Amino acid sequence: MAKDSTKTTIEADGLRYRSKAPGSPFAATSSFGAATMSCFLCGKHRPRAMLKSKKLLGKSQPVCSPSCKELDAQLSAK
């Protein structure tokens, strides 16, 4: 199965994508605590309240709390 090729051109204003919706899927929020970050281990975006800091590779990284698998199980049960 081949993907349909989408022709894109650079517009006069510098934008390239005509078929792509503008903006980010991660909406900007007014409060810092409601923002999302990606887990260093699984890469999924989570609200900051669902993450904890863990020292990995010599730096503190945000990871799912209590773990990626347990958090997925809790969210799927809802």
C-alpha atoms as a PDB file:
ATOM      1  CA  MET A   1       0.000   0.000   0.000  1.00  0.00           C
ATOM      2  CA  ALA A   2       1.501   3.268  -1.053  1.00  0.00           C
ATOM      3  CA  LYS A   3       0.621   6.516   0.650  1.00  0.00           C
ATOM      4  CA  ASP A   4      -0.963   9.239  -1.408  1.00  0.00           C
ATOM      5  CA  SER A   5       1.672  11.827  -2.118  1.00  0.00           C
ATOM      6  CA  THR A   6       0.673  15.325  -1.093  1.00  0.00           C
ATOM      7  CA  LYS A   7       2.102  18.118  -3.141  1.00  0.00           C
ATOM      8  CA  THR A   8       3.283  20.999  -1.015  1.00  0.00           C
ATOM      9  CA  THR A   9       4.739  24.257  -2.115  1.00  0.00           C
ATOM     10  CA  ILE A  10       6.268  27.130  -0.220  1.00  0.00           C
ATOM     11  CA  GLU A  11       3.758  29.962  -0.120  1.00  0.00           C
ATOM     12  CA  ALA A  12       4.657  33.644  -0.369  1.00  0.00           C
ATOM     13  CA  ASP A  13       4.312  34.022   3.422  1.00  0.00           C
ATOM     14  CA  GLY A  14       6.787  31.164   4.008  1.00  0.00           C
ATOM     15  CA  LEU A  15       4.254  28.517   5.064  1.00  0.00           C
ATOM     16  CA  ARG A  16       4.710  25.172   3.379  1.00  0.00           C
ATOM     17  CA  TYR A  17       1.814  22.950   4.458  1.00  0.00           C
ATOM     18  CA  ARG A  18      -1.509  23.475   2.768  1.00  0.00           C
ATOM     19  CA  SER A  19      -3.109  20.195   3.854  1.00  0.00           C
ATOM     20  CA  LYS A  20      -1.903  20.278   7.461  1.00  0.00           C
ATOM     21  CA  ALA A  21      -4.018  21.952  10.124  1.00  0.00           C
ATOM     22  CA  PRO A  22      -2.196  24.905  11.688  1.00  0.00           C
ATOM     23  CA  GLY A  23      -1.175  24.969  15.332  1.00  0.00           C
ATOM     24  CA  SER A  24      -0.150  22.439  17.906  1.00  0.00           C
ATOM     25  CA  PRO A  25      -2.245  19.517  19.175  1.00  0.00           C
ATOM     26  CA  PHE A  26      -1.103  20.500  22.666  1.00  0.00           C
ATOM     27  CA  ALA A  27      -3.114  23.616  23.368  1.00  0.00           C
ATOM     28  CA  ALA A  28      -1.414  26.361  25.302  1.00  0.00           C
ATOM     29  CA  THR A  29      -2.868  26.808  28.745  1.00  0.00           C
ATOM     30  CA  SER A  30      -2.853  29.844  30.932  1.00  0.00           C
ATOM     31  CA  SER A  31      -1.581  28.065  34.040  1.00  0.00           C
ATOM     32  CA  PHE A  32       1.786  26.321  34.230  1.00  0.00           C
ATOM     33  CA  GLY A  33       0.411  23.372  36.222  1.00  0.00           C
ATOM     34  CA  ALA A  34      -2.134  22.426  33.539  1.00  0.00           C
ATOM     35  CA  ALA A  35       0.502  22.173  30.793  1.00  0.00           C
ATOM     36  CA  THR A  36       1.584  18.810  29.428  1.00  0.00           C
ATOM     37  CA  MET A  37       5.030  17.300  29.162  1.00  0.00           C
ATOM     38  CA  SER A  38       6.187  14.093  27.573  1.00  0.00           C
ATOM     39  CA  CYS A  39       7.364  11.163  29.652  1.00  0.00           C
ATOM     40  CA  PHE A  40      11.060  10.454  29.127  1.00  0.00           C
ATOM     41  CA  LEU A  41      10.422   6.685  29.069  1.00  0.00           C
ATOM     42  CA  CYS A  42       7.218   6.185  27.024  1.00  0.00           C
ATOM     43  CA  GLY A  43       7.047   9.539  25.226  1.00  0.00           C
ATOM     44  CA  LYS A  44       3.325  10.099  25.863  1.00  0.00           C
ATOM     45  CA  HIS A  45       2.169  13.591  26.784  1.00  0.00           C
ATOM     46  CA  ARG A  46       0.687  13.774  30.248  1.00  0.00           C
ATOM     47  CA  PRO A  47      -0.425  16.614  32.513  1.00  0.00           C
ATOM     48  CA  ARG A  48       2.408  17.666  34.801  1.00  0.00           C
ATOM     49  CA  ALA A  49       0.439  16.384  37.822  1.00  0.00           C
ATOM     50  CA  MET A  50       0.730  12.810  36.454  1.00  0.00           C
ATOM     51  CA  LEU A  51       4.530  12.999  36.173  1.00  0.00           C
ATOM     52  CA  LYS A  52       7.331  12.767  38.688  1.00  0.00           C
ATOM     53  CA  SER A  53      11.025  13.558  38.427  1.00  0.00           C
ATOM     54  CA  LYS A  54      13.432  10.655  38.308  1.00  0.00           C
ATOM     55  CA  LYS A  55      17.187  10.819  37.916  1.00  0.00           C
ATOM     56  CA  LEU A  56      18.086   9.091  34.642  1.00  0.00           C
ATOM     57  CA  LEU A  57      21.416   9.321  32.849  1.00  0.00           C
ATOM     58  CA  GLY A  58      22.656  11.844  35.383  1.00  0.00           C
ATOM     59  CA  LYS A  59      19.754  14.311  34.934  1.00  0.00           C
ATOM     60  CA  SER A  60      16.292  14.665  36.423  1.00  0.00           C
ATOM     61  CA  GLN A  61      13.747  13.638  33.796  1.00  0.00           C
ATOM     62  CA  PRO A  62       9.920  13.690  33.905  1.00  0.00           C
ATOM     63  CA  VAL A  63       8.459  10.163  33.959  1.00  0.00           C
ATOM     64  CA  CYS A  64       4.960   8.762  34.501  1.00  0.00           C
ATOM     65  CA  SER A  65       3.947   8.303  38.123  1.00  0.00           C
ATOM     66  CA  PRO A  66       3.855   5.577  39.513  1.00  0.00           C
ATOM     67  CA  SER A  67       4.947   3.902  36.246  1.00  0.00           C
ATOM     68  CA  CYS A  68       4.007   4.062  32.555  1.00  0.00           C
ATOM     69  CA  LYS A  69       2.127   0.733  32.576  1.00  0.00           C
ATOM     70  CA  GLU A  70       0.255   1.457  35.815  1.00  0.00           C
ATOM     71  CA  LEU A  71      -0.764   4.936  34.659  1.00  0.00           C
ATOM     72  CA  ASP A  72      -2.053   3.546  31.326  1.00  0.00           C
ATOM     73  CA  ALA A  73      -4.061   0.923  33.232  1.00  0.00           C
ATOM     74  CA  GLN A  74      -5.550   3.590  35.529  1.00  0.00           C
ATOM     75  CA  LEU A  75      -6.503   5.843  32.615  1.00  0.00           C
ATOM     76  CA  SER A  76      -8.034   3.002  30.564  1.00  0.00           C
ATOM     77  CA  ALA A  77     -10.131   1.900  33.566  1.00  0.00           C
ATOM     78  CA  LYS A  78     -11.849   5.295  33.722  1.00  0.00           C
END
